[in-house]
Amino acid sequence: MGKRRQRRVGELIHREISELLEREMSDPRLNSVTITGVEVSPDLRHARVYVSTIGGEIERQEALAGLKHAAGFIRHELGARLRLRYVPELSFHLDKSLERGQRIEELLAKIHRERDA
């Protein structure tokens, strides 16, 4: 199976999970969750879903717990909405790229302030 199919299936899953979170999920732990990316294995049996959330470490862990709790429902809904032979097993992971980007911006701003002083 090609990378193109993996990417297309990942995009479909991304779109559908985002829509589920927005319209179907009532868990308050998931209110500030944003899907940032989906990586699908070459055999399309597993999908790593990367999420970002606003708040501290406690809120992040609660959001991950809420997603893991809802994984069966999400997978069932994906099966009903997508025409796939196999619905991938979902695993949720925190996407820390936004935090790293903010930290880099802070360091660059500090360097510029020190250089100007």
C-alpha atoms as a PDB file:
ATOM      1  CA  MET A   1       0.000   0.000   0.000  1.00  0.00           C
ATOM      2  CA  GLY A   2       1.330   3.416  -0.884  1.00  0.00           C
ATOM      3  CA  LYS A   3       2.108   6.449   1.203  1.00  0.00           C
ATOM      4  CA  ARG A   4      -0.584   8.326  -0.682  1.00  0.00           C
ATOM      5  CA  ARG A   5      -3.303   6.005   0.617  1.00  0.00           C
ATOM      6  CA  GLN A   6      -1.923   6.259   4.173  1.00  0.00           C
ATOM      7  CA  ARG A   7      -2.044  10.042   3.934  1.00  0.00           C
ATOM      8  CA  ARG A   8      -5.588  10.065   2.525  1.00  0.00           C
ATOM      9  CA  VAL A   9      -6.887   7.705   5.211  1.00  0.00           C
ATOM     10  CA  GLY A  10      -5.119   9.820   7.860  1.00  0.00           C
ATOM     11  CA  GLU A  11      -6.789  12.953   6.526  1.00  0.00           C
ATOM     12  CA  LEU A  12     -10.202  11.256   6.553  1.00  0.00           C
ATOM     13  CA  ILE A  13      -9.721  10.100  10.133  1.00  0.00           C
ATOM     14  CA  HIS A  14      -8.500  13.569  11.146  1.00  0.00           C
ATOM     15  CA  ARG A  15     -11.578  15.229   9.664  1.00  0.00           C
ATOM     16  CA  GLU A  16     -14.055  12.750  11.127  1.00  0.00           C
ATOM     17  CA  ILE A  17     -12.585  12.754  14.651  1.00  0.00           C
ATOM     18  CA  SER A  18     -12.508  16.564  14.626  1.00  0.00           C
ATOM     19  CA  GLU A  19     -16.162  16.612  13.644  1.00  0.00           C
ATOM     20  CA  LEU A  20     -17.030  14.041  16.314  1.00  0.00           C
ATOM     21  CA  LEU A  21     -15.292  16.104  18.984  1.00  0.00           C
ATOM     22  CA  GLU A  22     -17.073  19.236  17.849  1.00  0.00           C
ATOM     23  CA  ARG A  23     -20.595  17.861  17.456  1.00  0.00           C
ATOM     24  CA  GLU A  24     -21.054  14.496  19.153  1.00  0.00           C
ATOM     25  CA  MET A  25     -18.902  14.396  22.289  1.00  0.00           C
ATOM     26  CA  SER A  26     -20.285  15.803  25.534  1.00  0.00           C
ATOM     27  CA  ASP A  27     -17.321  15.016  27.813  1.00  0.00           C
ATOM     28  CA  PRO A  28     -16.160  18.347  29.320  1.00  0.00           C
ATOM     29  CA  ARG A  29     -12.562  17.085  29.334  1.00  0.00           C
ATOM     30  CA  LEU A  30     -12.628  17.203  25.522  1.00  0.00           C
ATOM     31  CA  ASN A  31     -13.874  20.779  25.062  1.00  0.00           C
ATOM     32  CA  SER A  32     -10.460  22.281  24.339  1.00  0.00           C
ATOM     33  CA  VAL A  33      -8.989  19.343  22.387  1.00  0.00           C
ATOM     34  CA  THR A  34      -7.727  19.941  18.857  1.00  0.00           C
ATOM     35  CA  ILE A  35      -6.578  17.178  16.528  1.00  0.00           C
ATOM     36  CA  THR A  36      -3.233  18.262  15.078  1.00  0.00           C
ATOM     37  CA  GLY A  37      -2.379  15.208  13.022  1.00  0.00           C
ATOM     38  CA  VAL A  38      -2.950  11.539  12.305  1.00  0.00           C
ATOM     39  CA  GLU A  39      -0.322   9.001  11.276  1.00  0.00           C
ATOM     40  CA  VAL A  40      -1.597   5.714   9.859  1.00  0.00           C
ATOM     41  CA  SER A  41       0.516   2.557   9.756  1.00  0.00           C
ATOM     42  CA  PRO A  42       1.339   1.100   6.321  1.00  0.00           C
ATOM     43  CA  ASP A  43      -1.169  -1.729   6.801  1.00  0.00           C
ATOM     44  CA  LEU A  44      -3.876   0.795   7.859  1.00  0.00           C
ATOM     45  CA  ARG A  45      -4.530  -1.161  11.069  1.00  0.00           C
ATOM     46  CA  HIS A  46      -3.217   1.454  13.559  1.00  0.00           C
ATOM     47  CA  ALA A  47      -3.542   5.209  13.743  1.00  0.00           C
ATOM     48  CA  ARG A  48      -1.623   7.578  16.017  1.00  0.00           C
ATOM     49  CA  VAL A  49      -3.795  10.613  16.677  1.00  0.00           C
ATOM     50  CA  TYR A  50      -1.905  13.703  17.859  1.00  0.00           C
ATOM     51  CA  VAL A  51      -3.838  16.177  19.964  1.00  0.00           C
ATOM     52  CA  SER A  52      -3.238  19.573  21.458  1.00  0.00           C
ATOM     53  CA  THR A  53      -5.144  21.183  24.286  1.00  0.00           C
ATOM     54  CA  ILE A  54      -5.199  24.459  26.127  1.00  0.00           C
ATOM     55  CA  GLY A  55      -4.252  24.402  29.775  1.00  0.00           C
ATOM     56  CA  GLY A  56      -1.694  22.944  32.089  1.00  0.00           C
ATOM     57  CA  GLU A  57      -0.372  19.442  32.500  1.00  0.00           C
ATOM     58  CA  ILE A  58      -3.393  18.341  34.548  1.00  0.00           C
ATOM     59  CA  GLU A  59      -5.812  19.421  31.790  1.00  0.00           C
ATOM     60  CA  ARG A  60      -3.696  17.658  29.178  1.00  0.00           C
ATOM     61  CA  GLN A  61      -3.696  14.400  31.110  1.00  0.00           C
ATOM     62  CA  GLU A  62      -7.454  14.656  31.714  1.00  0.00           C
ATOM     63  CA  ALA A  63      -8.031  15.265  27.999  1.00  0.00           C
ATOM     64  CA  LEU A  64      -5.924  12.213  27.107  1.00  0.00           C
ATOM     65  CA  ALA A  65      -7.849  10.133  29.647  1.00  0.00           C
ATOM     66  CA  GLY A  66     -11.133  11.340  28.116  1.00  0.00           C
ATOM     67  CA  LEU A  67      -9.968  10.436  24.626  1.00  0.00           C
ATOM     68  CA  LYS A  68      -8.792   6.994  25.702  1.00  0.00           C
ATOM     69  CA  HIS A  69     -12.126   6.454  27.423  1.00  0.00           C
ATOM     70  CA  ALA A  70     -13.987   7.467  24.231  1.00  0.00           C
ATOM     71  CA  ALA A  71     -11.704   5.543  21.832  1.00  0.00           C
ATOM     72  CA  GLY A  72     -14.199   2.694  21.370  1.00  0.00           C
ATOM     73  CA  PHE A  73     -17.050   5.081  20.566  1.00  0.00           C
ATOM     74  CA  ILE A  74     -14.840   7.092  18.188  1.00  0.00           C
ATOM     75  CA  ARG A  75     -13.675   3.941  16.418  1.00  0.00           C
ATOM     76  CA  HIS A  76     -17.260   2.684  16.107  1.00  0.00           C
ATOM     77  CA  GLU A  77     -18.357   6.015  14.616  1.00  0.00           C
ATOM     78  CA  LEU A  78     -15.427   5.975  12.183  1.00  0.00           C
ATOM     79  CA  GLY A  79     -16.533   2.512  11.066  1.00  0.00           C
ATOM     80  CA  ALA A  80     -20.028   3.815  10.377  1.00  0.00           C
ATOM     81  CA  ARG A  81     -18.843   6.945   8.558  1.00  0.00           C
ATOM     82  CA  LEU A  82     -15.864   5.702   6.528  1.00  0.00           C
ATOM     83  CA  ARG A  83     -15.805   3.015   3.886  1.00  0.00           C
ATOM     84  CA  LEU A  84     -12.752   1.109   5.055  1.00  0.00           C
ATOM     85  CA  ARG A  85     -12.188  -2.617   5.219  1.00  0.00           C
ATOM     86  CA  TYR A  86     -10.592  -2.231   8.654  1.00  0.00           C
ATOM     87  CA  VAL A  87     -11.083   0.665  11.042  1.00  0.00           C
ATOM     88  CA  PRO A  88      -7.672   1.416  12.552  1.00  0.00           C
ATOM     89  CA  GLU A  89      -6.966   0.912  16.230  1.00  0.00           C
ATOM     90  CA  LEU A  90      -6.608   4.421  17.680  1.00  0.00           C
ATOM     91  CA  SER A  91      -3.929   5.648  20.060  1.00  0.00           C
ATOM     92  CA  PHE A  92      -3.887   9.240  21.288  1.00  0.00           C
ATOM     93  CA  HIS A  93      -0.703  11.223  21.918  1.00  0.00           C
ATOM     94  CA  LEU A  94      -0.005  14.776  23.034  1.00  0.00           C
ATOM     95  CA  ASP A  95       1.466  17.001  20.342  1.00  0.00           C
ATOM     96  CA  LYS A  96       4.103  19.127  22.001  1.00  0.00           C
ATOM     97  CA  SER A  97       5.249  20.929  18.859  1.00  0.00           C
ATOM     98  CA  LEU A  98       3.288  24.074  19.761  1.00  0.00           C
ATOM     99  CA  GLU A  99       4.982  24.215  23.158  1.00  0.00           C
ATOM    100  CA  ARG A 100       8.414  23.748  21.594  1.00  0.00           C
ATOM    101  CA  GLY A 101       7.671  26.506  19.093  1.00  0.00           C
ATOM    102  CA  GLN A 102       6.638  28.876  21.882  1.00  0.00           C
ATOM    103  CA  ARG A 103       9.786  28.073  23.839  1.00  0.00           C
ATOM    104  CA  ILE A 104      11.962  28.775  20.795  1.00  0.00           C
ATOM    105  CA  GLU A 105      10.166  32.098  20.246  1.00  0.00           C
ATOM    106  CA  GLU A 106      10.764  33.041  23.894  1.00  0.00           C
ATOM    107  CA  LEU A 107      14.457  32.191  23.631  1.00  0.00           C
ATOM    108  CA  LEU A 108      14.858  34.178  20.411  1.00  0.00           C
ATOM    109  CA  ALA A 109      13.100  37.184  21.956  1.00  0.00           C
ATOM    110  CA  LYS A 110      15.386  36.953  25.007  1.00  0.00           C
ATOM    111  CA  ILE A 111      18.474  36.843  22.776  1.00  0.00           C
ATOM    112  CA  HIS A 112      17.275  39.913  20.851  1.00  0.00           C
ATOM    113  CA  ARG A 113      16.593  41.835  24.092  1.00  0.00           C
ATOM    114  CA  GLU A 114      20.032  40.974  25.481  1.00  0.00           C
ATOM    115  CA  ARG A 115      21.739  41.926  22.242  1.00  0.00           C
ATOM    116  CA  ASP A 116      19.930  45.279  22.107  1.00  0.00           C
ATOM    117  CA  ALA A 117      20.765  46.091  25.735  1.00  0.00           C
END
